[in-house]
Amino acid sequence: MSAAQGLKLKATDAEDFRIIAACLQDALIPVGDMKFETLQREFVLVANRFRWENCDETWENELDAPRADPALDPALMPCNAYERVNCGIHFHGVEAVRRRGLDQRDRGRVLELLTIEAHPGAIVMVFAGDAAVRLEGPHISCVMQDIGEPWPTQWRPRHPAA
């Protein structure tokens, strides 16, 4: 798949949602870019996602990663390119939405997505800072699709060691 095409994925079961969660990990989502369409039973959002698909190579020790410039920090080198892209996410079959740790009136707040969990009758988006959005419905499905062209970013998201 070329960078111009971007990703387009569909989720209908827990395994599918694990794949979408991996693709959306560390996505930045403004609260104002999330909306529940009650009558259509749809929850939609736009995320600024890190393109993890550029990081398909792994090294046992990041210090062994190839370096184009010795002055660069080796912790920033494991990916072929650091890029972000806007991504539309559309959840179907949503009957109710519950929020924890966020005020939907704070439209300028930007949330960092940690993961998406599939539970019987619900999908939970877990964000940094103990925030979460729970989508409820018996048969929730999801379509995500990159929108527009990716752009370079200087930083790869990092996580503290467990």
N, C-alpha and C. Protein backbone atom coordinates (compact mmCIF):
# COMPACT_ATOMS: atom_id res chain seq x y z
N MET A 1 0.84 -1.17 0.00
CA MET A 1 0.00 0.00 0.00
C MET A 1 0.89 1.24 0.00
N SER A 2 0.62 2.17 -0.88
CA SER A 2 1.44 3.38 -0.95
C SER A 2 1.03 4.35 0.13
N ALA A 3 1.95 5.28 0.44
CA ALA A 3 1.65 6.29 1.45
C ALA A 3 0.47 7.15 1.02
N ALA A 4 0.33 7.35 -0.31
CA ALA A 4 -0.76 8.18 -0.82
C ALA A 4 -2.12 7.53 -0.54
N GLN A 5 -2.18 6.20 -0.57
CA GLN A 5 -3.44 5.51 -0.30
C GLN A 5 -3.81 5.60 1.17
N GLY A 6 -2.86 5.48 2.06
CA GLY A 6 -3.13 5.47 3.48
C GLY A 6 -3.82 4.19 3.91
N LEU A 7 -4.17 4.14 5.19
CA LEU A 7 -4.84 2.96 5.73
C LEU A 7 -6.35 3.12 5.64
N LYS A 8 -7.01 1.99 5.42
CA LYS A 8 -8.47 1.91 5.51
C LYS A 8 -8.76 0.54 6.10
N LEU A 9 -9.31 0.54 7.33
CA LEU A 9 -9.55 -0.71 8.05
C LEU A 9 -10.97 -0.74 8.58
N LYS A 10 -11.48 -1.96 8.75
CA LYS A 10 -12.82 -2.16 9.31
C LYS A 10 -12.70 -3.13 10.49
N ALA A 11 -13.47 -2.86 11.55
CA ALA A 11 -13.48 -3.73 12.72
C ALA A 11 -14.90 -4.17 13.02
N THR A 12 -15.07 -5.48 13.21
CA THR A 12 -16.38 -6.02 13.58
C THR A 12 -16.30 -6.95 14.79
N ASP A 13 -15.06 -7.31 15.22
CA ASP A 13 -14.91 -8.20 16.37
C ASP A 13 -13.69 -7.76 17.19
N ALA A 14 -13.47 -8.44 18.31
CA ALA A 14 -12.41 -8.04 19.24
C ALA A 14 -11.03 -8.06 18.58
N GLU A 15 -10.75 -9.04 17.75
CA GLU A 15 -9.45 -9.11 17.07
C GLU A 15 -9.27 -7.92 16.12
N ASP A 16 -10.30 -7.58 15.37
CA ASP A 16 -10.23 -6.42 14.49
C ASP A 16 -9.96 -5.15 15.29
N PHE A 17 -10.64 -5.01 16.44
CA PHE A 17 -10.44 -3.81 17.25
C PHE A 17 -9.03 -3.74 17.83
N ARG A 18 -8.39 -4.89 18.09
CA ARG A 18 -7.00 -4.89 18.54
C ARG A 18 -6.09 -4.32 17.46
N ILE A 19 -6.36 -4.65 16.21
CA ILE A 19 -5.56 -4.12 15.10
C ILE A 19 -5.76 -2.62 14.97
N ILE A 20 -7.00 -2.18 15.03
CA ILE A 20 -7.27 -0.74 14.94
C ILE A 20 -6.64 -0.01 16.13
N ALA A 21 -6.71 -0.61 17.32
CA ALA A 21 -6.09 0.00 18.50
C ALA A 21 -4.58 0.19 18.29
N ALA A 22 -3.93 -0.81 17.71
CA ALA A 22 -2.49 -0.71 17.46
C ALA A 22 -2.18 0.41 16.47
N CYS A 23 -2.99 0.55 15.45
CA CYS A 23 -2.78 1.61 14.45
C CYS A 23 -3.03 3.00 15.02
N LEU A 24 -3.96 3.09 15.97
CA LEU A 24 -4.34 4.39 16.53
C LEU A 24 -3.62 4.73 17.84
N GLN A 25 -2.77 3.82 18.33
CA GLN A 25 -2.05 4.10 19.58
C GLN A 25 -1.29 5.41 19.44
N ASP A 26 -1.42 6.26 20.44
CA ASP A 26 -0.75 7.56 20.52
C ASP A 26 -1.37 8.61 19.59
N ALA A 27 -2.56 8.31 19.03
CA ALA A 27 -3.25 9.32 18.22
C ALA A 27 -3.65 10.48 19.12
N LEU A 28 -3.63 11.67 18.54
CA LEU A 28 -4.05 12.89 19.23
C LEU A 28 -5.43 13.27 18.73
N ILE A 29 -6.37 13.43 19.66
CA ILE A 29 -7.77 13.66 19.29
C ILE A 29 -8.31 14.85 20.07
N PRO A 30 -8.59 15.96 19.38
CA PRO A 30 -9.23 17.08 20.07
C PRO A 30 -10.65 16.69 20.49
N VAL A 31 -11.04 17.07 21.69
CA VAL A 31 -12.39 16.77 22.18
C VAL A 31 -13.43 17.31 21.20
N GLY A 32 -13.16 18.46 20.61
CA GLY A 32 -14.08 19.07 19.66
C GLY A 32 -14.23 18.30 18.36
N ASP A 33 -13.35 17.31 18.11
CA ASP A 33 -13.42 16.51 16.89
C ASP A 33 -14.07 15.15 17.13
N MET A 34 -14.83 15.03 18.24
CA MET A 34 -15.60 13.81 18.53
C MET A 34 -17.08 14.19 18.60
N LYS A 35 -17.92 13.36 17.98
CA LYS A 35 -19.36 13.67 17.98
C LYS A 35 -20.18 12.40 17.96
N PHE A 36 -21.23 12.38 18.78
CA PHE A 36 -22.19 11.28 18.81
C PHE A 36 -23.44 11.73 18.06
N GLU A 37 -23.74 11.03 16.97
CA GLU A 37 -24.93 11.28 16.17
C GLU A 37 -26.01 10.31 16.68
N THR A 38 -26.83 10.77 17.61
CA THR A 38 -27.79 9.92 18.31
C THR A 38 -28.75 9.21 17.36
N LEU A 39 -29.38 9.96 16.46
CA LEU A 39 -30.38 9.36 15.58
C LEU A 39 -29.78 8.33 14.63
N GLN A 40 -28.56 8.57 14.18
CA GLN A 40 -27.89 7.62 13.27
C GLN A 40 -27.18 6.50 14.01
N ARG A 41 -27.13 6.60 15.36
CA ARG A 41 -26.42 5.63 16.19
C ARG A 41 -24.96 5.50 15.75
N GLU A 42 -24.32 6.65 15.55
CA GLU A 42 -22.92 6.69 15.09
C GLU A 42 -22.11 7.63 15.97
N PHE A 43 -20.87 7.23 16.21
CA PHE A 43 -19.91 8.08 16.91
C PHE A 43 -18.75 8.29 15.95
N VAL A 44 -18.44 9.54 15.67
CA VAL A 44 -17.39 9.85 14.70
C VAL A 44 -16.33 10.73 15.35
N LEU A 45 -15.12 10.60 14.86
CA LEU A 45 -14.03 11.44 15.34
C LEU A 45 -12.94 11.54 14.28
N VAL A 46 -12.12 12.56 14.42
CA VAL A 46 -10.94 12.71 13.57
C VAL A 46 -9.73 12.69 14.49
N ALA A 47 -8.78 11.83 14.16
CA ALA A 47 -7.57 11.67 14.97
C ALA A 47 -6.35 12.06 14.14
N ASN A 48 -5.34 12.54 14.83
CA ASN A 48 -4.04 12.81 14.23
C ASN A 48 -3.18 11.63 14.69
N ARG A 49 -2.99 10.65 13.80
CA ARG A 49 -2.33 9.42 14.23
C ARG A 49 -0.88 9.34 13.76
N PHE A 50 -0.04 8.75 14.63
CA PHE A 50 1.33 8.45 14.25
C PHE A 50 1.30 7.25 13.32
N ARG A 51 2.06 7.27 12.24
CA ARG A 51 2.03 6.18 11.26
C ARG A 51 2.98 5.06 11.71
N TRP A 52 2.48 4.20 12.60
CA TRP A 52 3.27 3.09 13.13
C TRP A 52 3.68 2.10 12.04
N GLU A 53 2.97 2.08 10.92
CA GLU A 53 3.34 1.16 9.84
C GLU A 53 4.72 1.48 9.26
N ASN A 54 5.27 2.66 9.54
CA ASN A 54 6.64 2.98 9.14
C ASN A 54 7.66 2.32 10.05
N CYS A 55 7.20 1.71 11.13
CA CYS A 55 8.09 1.14 12.14
C CYS A 55 8.02 -0.38 12.13
N ASP A 56 8.03 -0.97 10.95
CA ASP A 56 7.90 -2.42 10.88
C ASP A 56 9.19 -3.16 11.19
N GLU A 57 10.32 -2.46 11.21
CA GLU A 57 11.57 -3.11 11.57
C GLU A 57 11.79 -2.94 13.06
N THR A 58 12.32 -3.99 13.70
CA THR A 58 12.60 -3.90 15.12
C THR A 58 14.04 -4.31 15.37
N TRP A 59 14.60 -3.78 16.42
CA TRP A 59 15.96 -4.11 16.84
C TRP A 59 15.92 -4.54 18.28
N GLU A 60 16.78 -5.50 18.64
CA GLU A 60 16.83 -5.93 20.03
C GLU A 60 17.28 -4.78 20.92
N ASN A 61 18.16 -3.97 20.42
CA ASN A 61 18.65 -2.83 21.17
C ASN A 61 18.57 -1.63 20.24
N GLU A 62 17.83 -0.61 20.62
CA GLU A 62 17.67 0.54 19.73
C GLU A 62 18.99 1.22 19.42
N LEU A 63 20.01 0.99 20.25
CA LEU A 63 21.32 1.56 19.95
C LEU A 63 21.92 0.93 18.70
N ASP A 64 21.43 -0.27 18.31
CA ASP A 64 21.91 -0.93 17.11
C ASP A 64 21.18 -0.46 15.84
N ALA A 65 20.18 0.40 16.00
CA ALA A 65 19.40 0.86 14.85
C ALA A 65 20.29 1.64 13.89
N PRO A 66 20.03 1.53 12.58
CA PRO A 66 20.83 2.28 11.63
C PRO A 66 20.69 3.78 11.86
N ARG A 67 21.78 4.48 11.62
CA ARG A 67 21.78 5.92 11.85
C ARG A 67 22.29 6.64 10.60
N ALA A 68 21.46 7.54 10.09
CA ALA A 68 21.87 8.32 8.94
C ALA A 68 22.83 9.42 9.36
N ASP A 69 22.68 9.93 10.56
CA ASP A 69 23.51 11.03 11.05
C ASP A 69 23.91 10.70 12.48
N PRO A 70 25.21 10.55 12.77
CA PRO A 70 25.63 10.16 14.12
C PRO A 70 25.20 11.16 15.19
N ALA A 71 24.87 12.39 14.80
CA ALA A 71 24.45 13.39 15.78
C ALA A 71 23.01 13.16 16.25
N LEU A 72 22.25 12.32 15.53
CA LEU A 72 20.86 12.07 15.91
C LEU A 72 20.78 11.12 17.10
N ASP A 73 19.76 11.30 17.91
CA ASP A 73 19.51 10.43 19.05
C ASP A 73 19.10 9.05 18.53
N PRO A 74 19.79 7.98 18.90
CA PRO A 74 19.44 6.66 18.38
C PRO A 74 18.03 6.22 18.77
N ALA A 75 17.47 6.77 19.84
CA ALA A 75 16.11 6.39 20.23
C ALA A 75 15.08 6.88 19.23
N LEU A 76 15.48 7.78 18.35
CA LEU A 76 14.56 8.30 17.35
C LEU A 76 14.71 7.61 16.00
N MET A 77 15.57 6.61 15.88
CA MET A 77 15.90 6.06 14.57
C MET A 77 15.19 4.76 14.15
N PRO A 78 14.49 4.02 14.98
CA PRO A 78 13.97 2.73 14.53
C PRO A 78 12.95 2.76 13.40
N CYS A 79 12.29 3.86 13.16
CA CYS A 79 11.30 3.92 12.08
C CYS A 79 11.96 4.42 10.79
N ASN A 80 11.38 3.99 9.67
CA ASN A 80 11.85 4.49 8.38
C ASN A 80 11.60 5.98 8.26
N ALA A 81 10.48 6.45 8.79
CA ALA A 81 10.13 7.87 8.77
C ALA A 81 9.16 8.13 9.91
N TYR A 82 9.25 9.31 10.49
CA TYR A 82 8.29 9.72 11.51
C TYR A 82 7.26 10.59 10.83
N GLU A 83 6.03 10.07 10.79
CA GLU A 83 4.97 10.80 10.11
C GLU A 83 3.67 10.70 10.91
N ARG A 84 2.83 11.70 10.72
CA ARG A 84 1.48 11.69 11.25
C ARG A 84 0.53 11.95 10.09
N VAL A 85 -0.72 11.53 10.27
CA VAL A 85 -1.73 11.71 9.24
C VAL A 85 -3.09 11.85 9.94
N ASN A 86 -3.97 12.65 9.37
CA ASN A 86 -5.33 12.71 9.90
C ASN A 86 -6.07 11.44 9.50
N CYS A 87 -6.94 11.00 10.39
CA CYS A 87 -7.63 9.73 10.20
C CYS A 87 -9.07 9.89 10.71
N GLY A 88 -10.02 9.54 9.87
CA GLY A 88 -11.42 9.56 10.28
C GLY A 88 -11.80 8.20 10.84
N ILE A 89 -12.49 8.19 11.98
CA ILE A 89 -12.94 6.95 12.60
C ILE A 89 -14.45 7.05 12.80
N HIS A 90 -15.15 6.02 12.36
CA HIS A 90 -16.61 6.02 12.33
C HIS A 90 -17.10 4.74 12.99
N PHE A 91 -17.74 4.87 14.15
CA PHE A 91 -18.30 3.73 14.87
C PHE A 91 -19.79 3.65 14.56
N HIS A 92 -20.26 2.49 14.14
CA HIS A 92 -21.67 2.24 13.82
C HIS A 92 -22.31 1.41 14.93
N GLY A 93 -23.61 1.57 15.14
CA GLY A 93 -24.33 0.75 16.11
C GLY A 93 -24.18 1.22 17.54
N VAL A 94 -23.89 2.51 17.74
CA VAL A 94 -23.68 3.04 19.08
C VAL A 94 -25.02 3.55 19.63
N GLU A 95 -25.41 3.02 20.77
CA GLU A 95 -26.68 3.40 21.38
C GLU A 95 -26.51 4.41 22.51
N ALA A 96 -25.34 4.41 23.14
CA ALA A 96 -25.08 5.35 24.23
C ALA A 96 -23.58 5.62 24.31
N VAL A 97 -23.24 6.80 24.81
CA VAL A 97 -21.84 7.19 25.00
C VAL A 97 -21.67 7.68 26.43
N ARG A 98 -20.66 7.16 27.10
CA ARG A 98 -20.35 7.61 28.46
C ARG A 98 -18.91 8.10 28.45
N ARG A 99 -18.68 9.17 29.19
CA ARG A 99 -17.35 9.78 29.25
C ARG A 99 -16.87 9.80 30.69
N ARG A 100 -15.56 9.59 30.87
CA ARG A 100 -14.94 9.69 32.19
C ARG A 100 -13.70 10.55 32.06
N GLY A 101 -13.55 11.51 32.95
CA GLY A 101 -12.33 12.31 33.01
C GLY A 101 -12.19 13.33 31.90
N LEU A 102 -13.30 13.68 31.24
CA LEU A 102 -13.22 14.73 30.23
C LEU A 102 -14.54 15.46 30.12
N ASP A 103 -14.44 16.72 29.82
CA ASP A 103 -15.60 17.59 29.67
C ASP A 103 -15.76 17.88 28.19
N GLN A 104 -16.85 17.43 27.58
CA GLN A 104 -17.02 17.61 26.14
C GLN A 104 -17.16 19.08 25.76
N ARG A 105 -17.39 19.96 26.74
CA ARG A 105 -17.42 21.40 26.45
C ARG A 105 -16.01 21.96 26.29
N ASP A 106 -14.99 21.23 26.78
CA ASP A 106 -13.59 21.65 26.65
C ASP A 106 -13.08 21.23 25.28
N ARG A 107 -13.65 21.84 24.23
CA ARG A 107 -13.42 21.41 22.85
C ARG A 107 -11.96 21.55 22.40
N GLY A 108 -11.19 22.39 23.03
CA GLY A 108 -9.79 22.58 22.65
C GLY A 108 -8.83 21.58 23.27
N ARG A 109 -9.31 20.82 24.26
CA ARG A 109 -8.44 19.83 24.91
C ARG A 109 -8.08 18.73 23.92
N VAL A 110 -6.81 18.35 23.90
CA VAL A 110 -6.35 17.28 23.02
C VAL A 110 -6.06 16.05 23.86
N LEU A 111 -6.70 14.94 23.50
CA LEU A 111 -6.52 13.67 24.20
C LEU A 111 -5.51 12.80 23.47
N GLU A 112 -4.74 12.03 24.23
CA GLU A 112 -3.80 11.07 23.65
C GLU A 112 -4.36 9.67 23.86
N LEU A 113 -4.67 8.99 22.76
CA LEU A 113 -5.26 7.65 22.82
C LEU A 113 -4.21 6.62 23.21
N LEU A 114 -4.49 5.87 24.26
CA LEU A 114 -3.59 4.79 24.67
C LEU A 114 -3.98 3.48 24.02
N THR A 115 -5.29 3.16 24.04
CA THR A 115 -5.74 1.90 23.45
C THR A 115 -7.25 1.94 23.24
N ILE A 116 -7.74 0.93 22.55
CA ILE A 116 -9.16 0.69 22.39
C ILE A 116 -9.43 -0.72 22.87
N GLU A 117 -10.40 -0.86 23.76
CA GLU A 117 -10.73 -2.18 24.32
C GLU A 117 -12.12 -2.59 23.86
N ALA A 118 -12.24 -3.83 23.41
CA ALA A 118 -13.54 -4.38 23.03
C ALA A 118 -14.06 -5.23 24.18
N HIS A 119 -15.26 -4.89 24.66
CA HIS A 119 -15.94 -5.63 25.72
C HIS A 119 -17.30 -6.07 25.18
N PRO A 120 -17.91 -7.09 25.76
CA PRO A 120 -19.27 -7.45 25.33
C PRO A 120 -20.21 -6.25 25.47
N GLY A 121 -20.78 -5.80 24.37
CA GLY A 121 -21.71 -4.69 24.40
C GLY A 121 -21.09 -3.31 24.49
N ALA A 122 -19.76 -3.21 24.38
CA ALA A 122 -19.12 -1.89 24.50
C ALA A 122 -17.74 -1.87 23.88
N ILE A 123 -17.37 -0.67 23.44
CA ILE A 123 -16.00 -0.37 23.00
C ILE A 123 -15.54 0.78 23.86
N VAL A 124 -14.33 0.67 24.45
CA VAL A 124 -13.82 1.71 25.33
C VAL A 124 -12.53 2.26 24.74
N MET A 125 -12.52 3.58 24.54
CA MET A 125 -11.30 4.27 24.13
C MET A 125 -10.66 4.83 25.40
N VAL A 126 -9.43 4.40 25.68
CA VAL A 126 -8.72 4.78 26.90
C VAL A 126 -7.66 5.82 26.53
N PHE A 127 -7.68 6.95 27.25
CA PHE A 127 -6.77 8.05 26.97
C PHE A 127 -5.83 8.29 28.14
N ALA A 128 -4.69 8.92 27.86
CA ALA A 128 -3.77 9.33 28.92
C ALA A 128 -4.50 10.28 29.86
N GLY A 129 -4.07 10.33 31.11
CA GLY A 129 -4.69 11.21 32.09
C GLY A 129 -5.97 10.67 32.66
N ASP A 130 -6.17 9.35 32.59
CA ASP A 130 -7.33 8.67 33.17
C ASP A 130 -8.66 9.11 32.56
N ALA A 131 -8.65 9.43 31.28
CA ALA A 131 -9.89 9.77 30.57
C ALA A 131 -10.30 8.56 29.73
N ALA A 132 -11.60 8.44 29.48
CA ALA A 132 -12.09 7.34 28.66
C ALA A 132 -13.43 7.72 28.04
N VAL A 133 -13.70 7.12 26.89
CA VAL A 133 -15.00 7.23 26.24
C VAL A 133 -15.49 5.81 26.01
N ARG A 134 -16.68 5.51 26.52
CA ARG A 134 -17.26 4.17 26.40
C ARG A 134 -18.44 4.25 25.44
N LEU A 135 -18.36 3.49 24.35
CA LEU A 135 -19.43 3.41 23.37
C LEU A 135 -20.20 2.13 23.65
N GLU A 136 -21.52 2.24 23.81
CA GLU A 136 -22.31 1.07 24.16
C GLU A 136 -23.28 0.73 23.04
N GLY A 137 -23.41 -0.56 22.78
CA GLY A 137 -24.31 -1.08 21.78
C GLY A 137 -24.02 -2.55 21.57
N PRO A 138 -25.03 -3.34 21.18
CA PRO A 138 -24.83 -4.78 21.07
C PRO A 138 -23.95 -5.21 19.90
N HIS A 139 -23.88 -4.41 18.83
CA HIS A 139 -23.11 -4.81 17.64
C HIS A 139 -22.40 -3.59 17.06
N ILE A 140 -21.36 -3.13 17.73
CA ILE A 140 -20.62 -1.96 17.26
C ILE A 140 -19.57 -2.40 16.24
N SER A 141 -19.53 -1.69 15.14
CA SER A 141 -18.47 -1.90 14.15
C SER A 141 -17.79 -0.55 13.93
N CYS A 142 -16.67 -0.60 13.24
CA CYS A 142 -15.87 0.61 13.08
C CYS A 142 -15.18 0.60 11.72
N VAL A 143 -15.08 1.76 11.12
CA VAL A 143 -14.28 1.96 9.92
C VAL A 143 -13.34 3.12 10.20
N MET A 144 -12.06 2.92 9.93
CA MET A 144 -11.09 4.03 10.04
C MET A 144 -10.43 4.20 8.69
N GLN A 145 -10.17 5.46 8.33
CA GLN A 145 -9.54 5.73 7.04
C GLN A 145 -8.71 6.99 7.14
N ASP A 146 -7.47 6.89 6.63
CA ASP A 146 -6.62 8.07 6.58
C ASP A 146 -7.22 9.10 5.65
N ILE A 147 -7.04 10.37 6.03
CA ILE A 147 -7.58 11.49 5.26
C ILE A 147 -6.40 12.38 4.87
N GLY A 148 -6.20 12.56 3.59
CA GLY A 148 -5.13 13.46 3.15
C GLY A 148 -3.76 12.81 3.21
N GLU A 149 -2.76 13.65 3.04
CA GLU A 149 -1.37 13.19 2.97
C GLU A 149 -0.72 13.24 4.35
N PRO A 150 0.18 12.29 4.64
CA PRO A 150 0.93 12.35 5.90
C PRO A 150 1.94 13.50 5.85
N TRP A 151 2.36 13.94 7.03
CA TRP A 151 3.38 14.97 7.12
C TRP A 151 4.45 14.51 8.11
N PRO A 152 5.67 15.00 7.93
CA PRO A 152 6.76 14.56 8.82
C PRO A 152 6.60 15.15 10.22
N THR A 153 7.04 14.39 11.19
CA THR A 153 7.10 14.87 12.57
C THR A 153 8.47 14.48 13.11
N GLN A 154 8.96 15.24 14.04
CA GLN A 154 10.31 15.00 14.57
C GLN A 154 10.34 13.89 15.61
N TRP A 155 9.19 13.62 16.25
CA TRP A 155 9.21 12.72 17.40
C TRP A 155 8.40 11.45 17.18
N ARG A 156 8.95 10.37 17.68
CA ARG A 156 8.24 9.10 17.76
C ARG A 156 7.67 9.00 19.17
N PRO A 157 6.40 8.64 19.32
CA PRO A 157 5.86 8.48 20.68
C PRO A 157 6.68 7.46 21.46
N ARG A 158 6.91 7.77 22.72
CA ARG A 158 7.69 6.89 23.60
C ARG A 158 6.85 6.52 24.81
N HIS A 159 7.06 5.32 25.32
CA HIS A 159 6.33 4.86 26.50
C HIS A 159 7.31 4.44 27.56
N PRO A 160 7.02 4.75 28.82
CA PRO A 160 7.91 4.30 29.89
C PRO A 160 7.94 2.79 29.95
N ALA A 161 9.07 2.23 30.32
CA ALA A 161 9.19 0.79 30.49
C ALA A 161 8.28 0.34 31.61
N ALA A 162 7.68 -0.84 31.43
CA ALA A 162 6.75 -1.36 32.45
C ALA A 162 7.46 -1.70 33.72
